[in-house]
């Protein structure tokens, strides 16, 4: 029997640092995702940091806006990603039970490489949700709880970026 997830208290921030025009595939994914979130009654905000060529600075600005908001989760999205709205909502549902959930995707380089770190590549195990515990993954399609973001902000060194 499939697990039922309660997303009634969730308010997700879509956080996307970008330094260029968005590809039409990304725009389509954003529009379809916002439409599905609204249809499912899931509250959301969008934070697009535009014009920052330093990804760490842009991500820090998104994190700062998130921590000052009333959102419960931050969904990191890379500005060149495309996805299915149903997959986005699936990760939001998983995030009601897990602190960090991400989708793996290939790096844009040869040979084919994925942003993923696991303890043992020969042994794949999943939890009760079908998710695979990992040691690291790319942030390009990852949702993080407020508790994790707050803890990271409290422990992180404070940096001043040239543009902010």
C-alpha atoms as a PDB file:
ATOM      1  CA  UNK A   1       0.000   0.000   0.000  1.00  0.00           C
ATOM      2  CA  UNK A   2       1.312   3.459  -0.919  1.00  0.00           C
ATOM      3  CA  UNK A   3       2.153   5.862   1.880  1.00  0.00           C
ATOM      4  CA  UNK A   4      -0.001   8.960   2.186  1.00  0.00           C
ATOM      5  CA  UNK A   5       1.909  12.198   2.683  1.00  0.00           C
ATOM      6  CA  UNK A   6       0.463  15.224   4.470  1.00  0.00           C
ATOM      7  CA  UNK A   7       1.641  18.377   2.671  1.00  0.00           C
ATOM      8  CA  UNK A   8      -0.950  20.632   4.316  1.00  0.00           C
ATOM      9  CA  UNK A   9       1.610  22.546   6.413  1.00  0.00           C
ATOM     10  CA  UNK A  10       4.209  22.848   3.676  1.00  0.00           C
ATOM     11  CA  UNK A  11       5.181  26.148   2.095  1.00  0.00           C
ATOM     12  CA  UNK A  12       7.997  25.649  -0.362  1.00  0.00           C
ATOM     13  CA  UNK A  13      10.302  28.290  -1.781  1.00  0.00           C
ATOM     14  CA  UNK A  14      11.566  27.637  -5.290  1.00  0.00           C
ATOM     15  CA  UNK A  15      15.099  29.047  -5.231  1.00  0.00           C
ATOM     16  CA  UNK A  16      16.885  29.580  -8.526  1.00  0.00           C
ATOM     17  CA  UNK A  17      20.126  31.499  -8.975  1.00  0.00           C
ATOM     18  CA  UNK A  18      20.585  32.579 -12.597  1.00  0.00           C
ATOM     19  CA  UNK A  19      23.016  34.697 -14.566  1.00  0.00           C
ATOM     20  CA  UNK A  20      21.423  34.409 -17.991  1.00  0.00           C
ATOM     21  CA  UNK A  21      18.160  34.002 -19.833  1.00  0.00           C
ATOM     22  CA  UNK A  22      16.242  30.900 -18.831  1.00  0.00           C
ATOM     23  CA  UNK A  23      15.869  28.140 -21.424  1.00  0.00           C
ATOM     24  CA  UNK A  24      12.274  27.611 -22.545  1.00  0.00           C
ATOM     25  CA  UNK A  25      12.372  24.108 -21.012  1.00  0.00           C
ATOM     26  CA  UNK A  26      13.106  25.581 -17.583  1.00  0.00           C
ATOM     27  CA  UNK A  27      10.360  28.190 -17.956  1.00  0.00           C
ATOM     28  CA  UNK A  28       7.885  25.481 -18.984  1.00  0.00           C
ATOM     29  CA  UNK A  29       8.876  23.383 -15.958  1.00  0.00           C
ATOM     30  CA  UNK A  30       8.447  26.378 -13.627  1.00  0.00           C
ATOM     31  CA  UNK A  31       5.023  27.277 -15.027  1.00  0.00           C
ATOM     32  CA  UNK A  32       3.761  23.688 -14.916  1.00  0.00           C
ATOM     33  CA  UNK A  33       5.128  23.222 -11.391  1.00  0.00           C
ATOM     34  CA  UNK A  34       3.510  26.396 -10.035  1.00  0.00           C
ATOM     35  CA  UNK A  35       0.232  25.382 -11.668  1.00  0.00           C
ATOM     36  CA  UNK A  36       0.342  21.908 -10.105  1.00  0.00           C
ATOM     37  CA  UNK A  37       1.326  23.279  -6.683  1.00  0.00           C
ATOM     38  CA  UNK A  38      -1.646  25.626  -6.816  1.00  0.00           C
ATOM     39  CA  UNK A  39      -3.975  22.825  -7.946  1.00  0.00           C
ATOM     40  CA  UNK A  40      -2.789  20.615  -5.051  1.00  0.00           C
ATOM     41  CA  UNK A  41      -3.159  23.450  -2.528  1.00  0.00           C
ATOM     42  CA  UNK A  42       0.561  23.550  -1.733  1.00  0.00           C
ATOM     43  CA  UNK A  43       1.706  27.050  -0.824  1.00  0.00           C
ATOM     44  CA  UNK A  44       4.841  28.366  -2.506  1.00  0.00           C
ATOM     45  CA  UNK A  45       7.055  31.381  -3.206  1.00  0.00           C
ATOM     46  CA  UNK A  46       9.609  31.835  -5.969  1.00  0.00           C
ATOM     47  CA  UNK A  47      13.001  33.463  -5.472  1.00  0.00           C
ATOM     48  CA  UNK A  48      14.995  33.960  -8.657  1.00  0.00           C
ATOM     49  CA  UNK A  49      18.320  35.676  -8.055  1.00  0.00           C
ATOM     50  CA  UNK A  50      19.157  37.255 -11.396  1.00  0.00           C
ATOM     51  CA  UNK A  51      22.485  38.603 -12.594  1.00  0.00           C
ATOM     52  CA  UNK A  52      24.937  36.995 -10.213  1.00  0.00           C
ATOM     53  CA  UNK A  53      27.884  35.287 -11.874  1.00  0.00           C
ATOM     54  CA  UNK A  54      29.172  33.959  -8.537  1.00  0.00           C
ATOM     55  CA  UNK A  55      27.015  30.909  -7.805  1.00  0.00           C
ATOM     56  CA  UNK A  56      27.942  30.882  -4.100  1.00  0.00           C
ATOM     57  CA  UNK A  57      26.802  34.502  -3.747  1.00  0.00           C
ATOM     58  CA  UNK A  58      23.538  33.825  -5.572  1.00  0.00           C
ATOM     59  CA  UNK A  59      22.821  30.725  -3.497  1.00  0.00           C
ATOM     60  CA  UNK A  60      23.633  32.648  -0.325  1.00  0.00           C
ATOM     61  CA  UNK A  61      21.134  35.346  -1.333  1.00  0.00           C
ATOM     62  CA  UNK A  62      18.455  32.700  -1.961  1.00  0.00           C
ATOM     63  CA  UNK A  63      19.218  31.102   1.416  1.00  0.00           C
ATOM     64  CA  UNK A  64      19.009  34.490   3.154  1.00  0.00           C
ATOM     65  CA  UNK A  65      15.618  35.264   1.602  1.00  0.00           C
ATOM     66  CA  UNK A  66      14.412  31.773   2.532  1.00  0.00           C
ATOM     67  CA  UNK A  67      15.515  32.097   6.161  1.00  0.00           C
ATOM     68  CA  UNK A  68      13.708  35.450   6.431  1.00  0.00           C
ATOM     69  CA  UNK A  69      10.509  33.957   4.961  1.00  0.00           C
ATOM     70  CA  UNK A  70       7.759  31.805   6.439  1.00  0.00           C
ATOM     71  CA  UNK A  71       8.529  28.932   4.043  1.00  0.00           C
ATOM     72  CA  UNK A  72       9.074  25.474   5.529  1.00  0.00           C
ATOM     73  CA  UNK A  73      11.259  24.093   2.720  1.00  0.00           C
ATOM     74  CA  UNK A  74      13.705  25.409   0.147  1.00  0.00           C
ATOM     75  CA  UNK A  75      13.710  23.686  -3.240  1.00  0.00           C
ATOM     76  CA  UNK A  76      16.991  24.442  -5.022  1.00  0.00           C
ATOM     77  CA  UNK A  77      16.671  24.551  -8.811  1.00  0.00           C
ATOM     78  CA  UNK A  78      19.433  25.141 -11.346  1.00  0.00           C
ATOM     79  CA  UNK A  79      18.508  27.655 -14.034  1.00  0.00           C
ATOM     80  CA  UNK A  80      19.252  25.222 -16.849  1.00  0.00           C
ATOM     81  CA  UNK A  81      17.205  22.319 -15.471  1.00  0.00           C
ATOM     82  CA  UNK A  82      13.935  20.967 -16.755  1.00  0.00           C
ATOM     83  CA  UNK A  83      11.708  18.546 -14.871  1.00  0.00           C
ATOM     84  CA  UNK A  84       8.204  17.165 -14.639  1.00  0.00           C
ATOM     85  CA  UNK A  85       5.910  19.000 -12.235  1.00  0.00           C
ATOM     86  CA  UNK A  86       4.799  15.652 -10.782  1.00  0.00           C
ATOM     87  CA  UNK A  87       8.414  14.838  -9.871  1.00  0.00           C
ATOM     88  CA  UNK A  88       8.766  18.188  -8.104  1.00  0.00           C
ATOM     89  CA  UNK A  89       5.619  17.518  -6.053  1.00  0.00           C
ATOM     90  CA  UNK A  90       6.809  13.967  -5.312  1.00  0.00           C
ATOM     91  CA  UNK A  91      10.006  15.365  -3.762  1.00  0.00           C
ATOM     92  CA  UNK A  92       7.954  17.903  -1.771  1.00  0.00           C
ATOM     93  CA  UNK A  93       5.924  14.986  -0.375  1.00  0.00           C
ATOM     94  CA  UNK A  94       9.069  13.025   0.534  1.00  0.00           C
ATOM     95  CA  UNK A  95      10.424  16.153   2.253  1.00  0.00           C
ATOM     96  CA  UNK A  96       7.602  15.957   4.786  1.00  0.00           C
ATOM     97  CA  UNK A  97       9.401  12.868   6.156  1.00  0.00           C
ATOM     98  CA  UNK A  98      13.043  13.453   5.127  1.00  0.00           C
ATOM     99  CA  UNK A  99      15.242  16.521   5.760  1.00  0.00           C
ATOM    100  CA  UNK A 100      16.932  16.540   2.338  1.00  0.00           C
ATOM    101  CA  UNK A 101      15.668  14.947  -0.878  1.00  0.00           C
ATOM    102  CA  UNK A 102      17.155  15.368  -4.320  1.00  0.00           C
ATOM    103  CA  UNK A 103      16.955  14.086  -7.819  1.00  0.00           C
ATOM    104  CA  UNK A 104      20.176  13.064  -9.516  1.00  0.00           C
ATOM    105  CA  UNK A 105      21.049  14.455 -12.914  1.00  0.00           C
ATOM    106  CA  UNK A 106      24.015  14.270 -15.257  1.00  0.00           C
ATOM    107  CA  UNK A 107      26.835  16.780 -15.328  1.00  0.00           C
ATOM    108  CA  UNK A 108      27.265  18.525 -18.654  1.00  0.00           C
ATOM    109  CA  UNK A 109      30.523  16.816 -19.542  1.00  0.00           C
ATOM    110  CA  UNK A 110      31.904  13.681 -21.139  1.00  0.00           C
ATOM    111  CA  UNK A 111      32.021  10.940 -20.145  1.00  0.00           C
ATOM    112  CA  UNK A 112      28.546  10.711 -18.619  1.00  0.00           C
ATOM    113  CA  UNK A 113      28.911  11.627 -14.934  1.00  0.00           C
ATOM    114  CA  UNK A 114      26.311  12.184 -12.220  1.00  0.00           C
ATOM    115  CA  UNK A 115      26.473  14.544  -9.246  1.00  0.00           C
ATOM    116  CA  UNK A 116      26.213  11.775  -6.673  1.00  0.00           C
ATOM    117  CA  UNK A 117      28.348  10.368  -3.850  1.00  0.00           C
ATOM    118  CA  UNK A 118      27.557   7.006  -2.307  1.00  0.00           C
ATOM    119  CA  UNK A 119      29.471   4.809   0.114  1.00  0.00           C
ATOM    120  CA  UNK A 120      29.387   1.723  -2.109  1.00  0.00           C
ATOM    121  CA  UNK A 121      28.586   2.052  -5.819  1.00  0.00           C
ATOM    122  CA  UNK A 122      28.109  -1.704  -6.118  1.00  0.00           C
ATOM    123  CA  UNK A 123      25.340  -1.864  -3.518  1.00  0.00           C
ATOM    124  CA  UNK A 124      22.207   0.232  -3.972  1.00  0.00           C
ATOM    125  CA  UNK A 125      19.738   0.281  -1.088  1.00  0.00           C
ATOM    126  CA  UNK A 126      16.546   2.301  -0.701  1.00  0.00           C
ATOM    127  CA  UNK A 127      14.489   3.414   2.276  1.00  0.00           C
ATOM    128  CA  UNK A 128      10.753   2.863   2.754  1.00  0.00           C
ATOM    129  CA  UNK A 129      10.011   5.653   0.254  1.00  0.00           C
ATOM    130  CA  UNK A 130      12.188   4.198  -2.478  1.00  0.00           C
ATOM    131  CA  UNK A 131      14.825   6.885  -1.907  1.00  0.00           C
ATOM    132  CA  UNK A 132      18.508   5.993  -1.839  1.00  0.00           C
ATOM    133  CA  UNK A 133      20.565   7.397   1.052  1.00  0.00           C
ATOM    134  CA  UNK A 134      23.659   9.193  -0.317  1.00  0.00           C
ATOM    135  CA  UNK A 135      26.649  11.121   1.044  1.00  0.00           C
ATOM    136  CA  UNK A 136      26.285  13.954  -1.444  1.00  0.00           C
ATOM    137  CA  UNK A 137      24.496  15.116  -4.566  1.00  0.00           C
ATOM    138  CA  UNK A 138      24.109  18.185  -6.731  1.00  0.00           C
ATOM    139  CA  UNK A 139      21.774  20.913  -5.480  1.00  0.00           C
ATOM    140  CA  UNK A 140      20.155  21.488  -8.893  1.00  0.00           C
ATOM    141  CA  UNK A 141      16.951  19.612  -7.999  1.00  0.00           C
ATOM    142  CA  UNK A 142      17.007  19.292  -4.205  1.00  0.00           C
ATOM    143  CA  UNK A 143      14.577  20.195  -1.429  1.00  0.00           C
ATOM    144  CA  UNK A 144      15.880  21.001   2.058  1.00  0.00           C
ATOM    145  CA  UNK A 145      13.983  21.512   5.316  1.00  0.00           C
ATOM    146  CA  UNK A 146      14.086  24.770   7.270  1.00  0.00           C
ATOM    147  CA  UNK A 147      15.796  22.939  10.156  1.00  0.00           C
ATOM    148  CA  UNK A 148      18.717  21.928   7.929  1.00  0.00           C
ATOM    149  CA  UNK A 149      19.008  25.382   6.342  1.00  0.00           C
ATOM    150  CA  UNK A 150      18.957  27.056   9.768  1.00  0.00           C
ATOM    151  CA  UNK A 151      21.620  24.708  11.110  1.00  0.00           C
ATOM    152  CA  UNK A 152      23.823  25.314   8.072  1.00  0.00           C
ATOM    153  CA  UNK A 153      23.416  29.088   8.398  1.00  0.00           C
ATOM    154  CA  UNK A 154      24.296  28.966  12.099  1.00  0.00           C
ATOM    155  CA  UNK A 155      27.458  26.913  11.460  1.00  0.00           C
ATOM    156  CA  UNK A 156      28.654  28.531   8.224  1.00  0.00           C
ATOM    157  CA  UNK A 157      31.339  31.190   8.044  1.00  0.00           C
ATOM    158  CA  UNK A 158      29.988  34.593   7.103  1.00  0.00           C
ATOM    159  CA  UNK A 159      31.266  35.801   3.748  1.00  0.00           C
ATOM    160  CA  UNK A 160      31.065  39.142   1.984  1.00  0.00           C
ATOM    161  CA  UNK A 161      30.704  38.855  -1.785  1.00  0.00           C
ATOM    162  CA  UNK A 162      31.870  41.704  -4.039  1.00  0.00           C
ATOM    163  CA  UNK A 163      28.390  42.357  -5.441  1.00  0.00           C
ATOM    164  CA  UNK A 164      26.490  42.303  -2.159  1.00  0.00           C
END
